[in-house]
């Protein structure tokens, strides 16, 4: 399986979407800000975008 297929499969995980939707409805979903920041930095570096300003 190619990388883009893995990414698409992961993005289209309807079971996980349903789990998060339920957690949001219950008020039990917690966001890990450090994890989100790490993923954002990785994504930006893959695009060649610098998030650091001087």
PDB file of N, CA and C in Angstrom:
ATOM      1  N   UNK A   1       0.853  -1.181   0.000  1.00  0.00           N
ATOM      2  CA  UNK A   1       0.000   0.000   0.000  1.00  0.00           C
ATOM      3  C   UNK A   1       0.898   1.243   0.000  1.00  0.00           C
ATOM      4  N   UNK A   2       0.578   2.201  -0.818  1.00  0.00           N
ATOM      5  CA  UNK A   2       1.369   3.417  -0.929  1.00  0.00           C
ATOM      6  C   UNK A   2       1.029   4.378   0.201  1.00  0.00           C
ATOM      7  N   UNK A   3       1.957   5.327   0.448  1.00  0.00           N
ATOM      8  CA  UNK A   3       1.786   6.286   1.543  1.00  0.00           C
ATOM      9  C   UNK A   3       0.463   7.041   1.439  1.00  0.00           C
ATOM     10  N   UNK A   4       0.148   7.573   0.244  1.00  0.00           N
ATOM     11  CA  UNK A   4      -1.083   8.364   0.109  1.00  0.00           C
ATOM     12  C   UNK A   4      -2.324   7.504   0.346  1.00  0.00           C
ATOM     13  N   UNK A   5      -2.238   6.212   0.037  1.00  0.00           N
ATOM     14  CA  UNK A   5      -3.375   5.320   0.310  1.00  0.00           C
ATOM     15  C   UNK A   5      -3.539   5.117   1.811  1.00  0.00           C
ATOM     16  N   UNK A   6      -2.420   5.003   2.523  1.00  0.00           N
ATOM     17  CA  UNK A   6      -2.485   4.874   3.978  1.00  0.00           C
ATOM     18  C   UNK A   6      -3.076   6.130   4.603  1.00  0.00           C
ATOM     19  N   UNK A   7      -2.654   7.285   4.117  1.00  0.00           N
ATOM     20  CA  UNK A   7      -3.174   8.547   4.640  1.00  0.00           C
ATOM     21  C   UNK A   7      -4.666   8.643   4.377  1.00  0.00           C
ATOM     22  N   UNK A   8      -5.086   8.314   3.159  1.00  0.00           N
ATOM     23  CA  UNK A   8      -6.503   8.374   2.814  1.00  0.00           C
ATOM     24  C   UNK A   8      -7.303   7.408   3.667  1.00  0.00           C
ATOM     25  N   UNK A   9      -6.780   6.198   3.840  1.00  0.00           N
ATOM     26  CA  UNK A   9      -7.473   5.216   4.655  1.00  0.00           C
ATOM     27  C   UNK A   9      -7.614   5.716   6.086  1.00  0.00           C
ATOM     28  N   UNK A  10      -6.571   6.302   6.612  1.00  0.00           N
ATOM     29  CA  UNK A  10      -6.604   6.817   7.982  1.00  0.00           C
ATOM     30  C   UNK A  10      -7.592   7.978   8.090  1.00  0.00           C
ATOM     31  N   UNK A  11      -7.620   8.848   7.089  1.00  0.00           N
ATOM     32  CA  UNK A  11      -8.535   9.980   7.116  1.00  0.00           C
ATOM     33  C   UNK A  11      -9.989   9.540   6.978  1.00  0.00           C
ATOM     34  N   UNK A  12     -10.206   8.422   6.348  1.00  0.00           N
ATOM     35  CA  UNK A  12     -11.564   7.963   6.084  1.00  0.00           C
ATOM     36  C   UNK A  12     -12.035   6.909   7.086  1.00  0.00           C
ATOM     37  N   UNK A  13     -11.408   6.835   8.262  1.00  0.00           N
ATOM     38  CA  UNK A  13     -11.745   5.846   9.275  1.00  0.00           C
ATOM     39  C   UNK A  13     -13.063   6.238   9.940  1.00  0.00           C
ATOM     40  N   UNK A  14     -14.166   5.752   9.385  1.00  0.00           N
ATOM     41  CA  UNK A  14     -15.487   6.152   9.874  1.00  0.00           C
ATOM     42  C   UNK A  14     -15.746   5.675  11.301  1.00  0.00           C
ATOM     43  N   UNK A  15     -15.148   4.556  11.696  1.00  0.00           N
ATOM     44  CA  UNK A  15     -15.312   4.085  13.075  1.00  0.00           C
ATOM     45  C   UNK A  15     -14.712   5.096  14.042  1.00  0.00           C
ATOM     46  N   UNK A  16     -13.512   5.589  13.719  1.00  0.00           N
ATOM     47  CA  UNK A  16     -12.858   6.580  14.583  1.00  0.00           C
ATOM     48  C   UNK A  16     -13.640   7.887  14.600  1.00  0.00           C
ATOM     49  N   UNK A  17     -14.169   8.284  13.465  1.00  0.00           N
ATOM     50  CA  UNK A  17     -14.983   9.496  13.391  1.00  0.00           C
ATOM     51  C   UNK A  17     -16.209   9.349  14.290  1.00  0.00           C
ATOM     52  N   UNK A  18     -16.849   8.201  14.244  1.00  0.00           N
ATOM     53  CA  UNK A  18     -18.016   7.960  15.090  1.00  0.00           C
ATOM     54  C   UNK A  18     -17.660   7.999  16.573  1.00  0.00           C
ATOM     55  N   UNK A  19     -16.486   7.428  16.919  1.00  0.00           N
ATOM     56  CA  UNK A  19     -16.038   7.453  18.319  1.00  0.00           C
ATOM     57  C   UNK A  19     -15.835   8.879  18.801  1.00  0.00           C
ATOM     58  N   UNK A  20     -15.178   9.690  17.988  1.00  0.00           N
ATOM     59  CA  UNK A  20     -14.931  11.086  18.367  1.00  0.00           C
ATOM     60  C   UNK A  20     -16.235  11.860  18.430  1.00  0.00           C
ATOM     61  N   UNK A  21     -17.115  11.620  17.488  1.00  0.00           N
ATOM     62  CA  UNK A  21     -18.423  12.287  17.494  1.00  0.00           C
ATOM     63  C   UNK A  21     -19.172  11.987  18.795  1.00  0.00           C
ATOM     64  N   UNK A  22     -19.120  10.733  19.235  1.00  0.00           N
ATOM     65  CA  UNK A  22     -19.779  10.342  20.479  1.00  0.00           C
ATOM     66  C   UNK A  22     -19.114  11.011  21.685  1.00  0.00           C
ATOM     67  N   UNK A  23     -17.788  11.053  21.673  1.00  0.00           N
ATOM     68  CA  UNK A  23     -17.064  11.704  22.768  1.00  0.00           C
ATOM     69  C   UNK A  23     -17.409  13.189  22.846  1.00  0.00           C
ATOM     70  N   UNK A  24     -17.511  13.832  21.695  1.00  0.00           N
ATOM     71  CA  UNK A  24     -17.890  15.244  21.670  1.00  0.00           C
ATOM     72  C   UNK A  24     -19.292  15.443  22.233  1.00  0.00           C
ATOM     73  N   UNK A  25     -20.201  14.572  21.856  1.00  0.00           N
ATOM     74  CA  UNK A  25     -21.577  14.662  22.343  1.00  0.00           C
ATOM     75  C   UNK A  25     -21.633  14.455  23.859  1.00  0.00           C
ATOM     76  N   UNK A  26     -20.765  13.572  24.369  1.00  0.00           N
ATOM     77  CA  UNK A  26     -20.736  13.281  25.807  1.00  0.00           C
ATOM     78  C   UNK A  26     -19.903  14.274  26.607  1.00  0.00           C
ATOM     79  N   UNK A  27     -19.130  15.101  25.911  1.00  0.00           N
ATOM     80  CA  UNK A  27     -18.237  16.031  26.597  1.00  0.00           C
ATOM     81  C   UNK A  27     -16.998  15.344  27.160  1.00  0.00           C
ATOM     82  N   UNK A  28     -16.645  14.185  26.609  1.00  0.00           N
ATOM     83  CA  UNK A  28     -15.501  13.431  27.120  1.00  0.00           C
ATOM     84  C   UNK A  28     -14.296  13.463  26.188  1.00  0.00           C
ATOM     85  N   UNK A  29     -14.386  14.172  25.069  1.00  0.00           N
ATOM     86  CA  UNK A  29     -13.260  14.242  24.128  1.00  0.00           C
ATOM     87  C   UNK A  29     -12.265  15.286  24.615  1.00  0.00           C
ATOM     88  N   UNK A  30     -10.996  14.893  24.723  1.00  0.00           N
ATOM     89  CA  UNK A  30      -9.948  15.800  25.167  1.00  0.00           C
ATOM     90  C   UNK A  30      -8.906  15.933  24.063  1.00  0.00           C
ATOM     91  N   UNK A  31      -8.504  17.154  23.790  1.00  0.00           N
ATOM     92  CA  UNK A  31      -7.514  17.426  22.758  1.00  0.00           C
ATOM     93  C   UNK A  31      -6.141  17.553  23.409  1.00  0.00           C
ATOM     94  N   UNK A  32      -5.162  16.836  22.871  1.00  0.00           N
ATOM     95  CA  UNK A  32      -3.786  16.924  23.333  1.00  0.00           C
ATOM     96  C   UNK A  32      -3.106  18.002  22.486  1.00  0.00           C
ATOM     97  N   UNK A  33      -2.993  19.199  23.050  1.00  0.00           N
ATOM     98  CA  UNK A  33      -2.466  20.343  22.302  1.00  0.00           C
ATOM     99  C   UNK A  33      -1.044  20.105  21.809  1.00  0.00           C
ATOM    100  N   UNK A  34      -0.213  19.453  22.608  1.00  0.00           N
ATOM    101  CA  UNK A  34       1.169  19.188  22.195  1.00  0.00           C
ATOM    102  C   UNK A  34       1.198  18.257  20.988  1.00  0.00           C
ATOM    103  N   UNK A  35       0.335  17.264  20.965  1.00  0.00           N
ATOM    104  CA  UNK A  35       0.269  16.334  19.835  1.00  0.00           C
ATOM    105  C   UNK A  35      -0.193  17.067  18.568  1.00  0.00           C
ATOM    106  N   UNK A  36      -1.197  17.913  18.709  1.00  0.00           N
ATOM    107  CA  UNK A  36      -1.697  18.682  17.562  1.00  0.00           C
ATOM    108  C   UNK A  36      -0.593  19.601  17.036  1.00  0.00           C
ATOM    109  N   UNK A  37       0.130  20.259  17.931  1.00  0.00           N
ATOM    110  CA  UNK A  37       1.213  21.155  17.517  1.00  0.00           C
ATOM    111  C   UNK A  37       2.313  20.389  16.787  1.00  0.00           C
ATOM    112  N   UNK A  38       2.684  19.221  17.311  1.00  0.00           N
ATOM    113  CA  UNK A  38       3.702  18.400  16.653  1.00  0.00           C
ATOM    114  C   UNK A  38       3.265  17.991  15.250  1.00  0.00           C
ATOM    115  N   UNK A  39       2.019  17.572  15.116  1.00  0.00           N
ATOM    116  CA  UNK A  39       1.501  17.166  13.803  1.00  0.00           C
ATOM    117  C   UNK A  39       1.476  18.353  12.833  1.00  0.00           C
ATOM    118  N   UNK A  40       1.096  19.525  13.338  1.00  0.00           N
ATOM    119  CA  UNK A  40       1.053  20.720  12.499  1.00  0.00           C
ATOM    120  C   UNK A  40       2.449  21.088  12.016  1.00  0.00           C
ATOM    121  N   UNK A  41       3.421  21.031  12.907  1.00  0.00           N
ATOM    122  CA  UNK A  41       4.799  21.340  12.507  1.00  0.00           C
ATOM    123  C   UNK A  41       5.312  20.338  11.483  1.00  0.00           C
ATOM    124  N   UNK A  42       5.003  19.067  11.672  1.00  0.00           N
ATOM    125  CA  UNK A  42       5.415  18.044  10.716  1.00  0.00           C
ATOM    126  C   UNK A  42       4.769  18.299   9.346  1.00  0.00           C
ATOM    127  N   UNK A  43       3.491  18.633   9.353  1.00  0.00           N
ATOM    128  CA  UNK A  43       2.763  18.916   8.116  1.00  0.00           C
ATOM    129  C   UNK A  43       3.372  20.126   7.402  1.00  0.00           C
ATOM    130  N   UNK A  44       3.632  21.183   8.166  1.00  0.00           N
ATOM    131  CA  UNK A  44       4.210  22.378   7.563  1.00  0.00           C
ATOM    132  C   UNK A  44       5.606  22.115   7.002  1.00  0.00           C
ATOM    133  N   UNK A  45       6.400  21.314   7.703  1.00  0.00           N
ATOM    134  CA  UNK A  45       7.743  21.028   7.198  1.00  0.00           C
ATOM    135  C   UNK A  45       7.665  20.215   5.917  1.00  0.00           C
ATOM    136  N   UNK A  46       6.662  19.343   5.813  1.00  0.00           N
ATOM    137  CA  UNK A  46       6.481  18.567   4.592  1.00  0.00           C
ATOM    138  C   UNK A  46       6.104  19.470   3.421  1.00  0.00           C
ATOM    139  N   UNK A  47       5.425  20.563   3.723  1.00  0.00           N
ATOM    140  CA  UNK A  47       5.037  21.509   2.675  1.00  0.00           C
ATOM    141  C   UNK A  47       6.136  22.530   2.385  1.00  0.00           C
ATOM    142  N   UNK A  48       7.139  22.584   3.249  1.00  0.00           N
ATOM    143  CA  UNK A  48       8.199  23.559   3.079  1.00  0.00           C
ATOM    144  C   UNK A  48       7.829  24.924   3.617  1.00  0.00           C
ATOM    145  N   UNK A  49       6.881  24.952   4.556  1.00  0.00           N
ATOM    146  CA  UNK A  49       6.416  26.208   5.155  1.00  0.00           C
ATOM    147  C   UNK A  49       7.091  26.374   6.519  1.00  0.00           C
ATOM    148  N   UNK A  50       7.567  27.549   6.800  1.00  0.00           N
ATOM    149  CA  UNK A  50       8.171  27.809   8.103  1.00  0.00           C
ATOM    150  C   UNK A  50       7.164  28.514   8.991  1.00  0.00           C
ATOM    151  N   UNK A  51       6.924  27.960  10.186  1.00  0.00           N
ATOM    152  CA  UNK A  51       5.980  28.588  11.103  1.00  0.00           C
ATOM    153  C   UNK A  51       6.685  29.529  12.061  1.00  0.00           C
ATOM    154  N   UNK A  52       8.020  29.608  11.988  1.00  0.00           N
ATOM    155  CA  UNK A  52       8.800  30.468  12.864  1.00  0.00           C
ATOM    156  C   UNK A  52       8.988  31.802  12.159  1.00  0.00           C
ATOM    157  N   UNK A  53       8.632  32.860  12.843  1.00  0.00           N
ATOM    158  CA  UNK A  53       8.807  34.206  12.273  1.00  0.00           C
ATOM    159  C   UNK A  53       9.836  34.959  13.097  1.00  0.00           C
ATOM    160  N   UNK A  54      10.532  35.889  12.449  1.00  0.00           N
ATOM    161  CA  UNK A  54      11.536  36.664  13.178  1.00  0.00           C
ATOM    162  C   UNK A  54      11.095  38.093  13.367  1.00  0.00           C
TER     163      UNK A  54
END
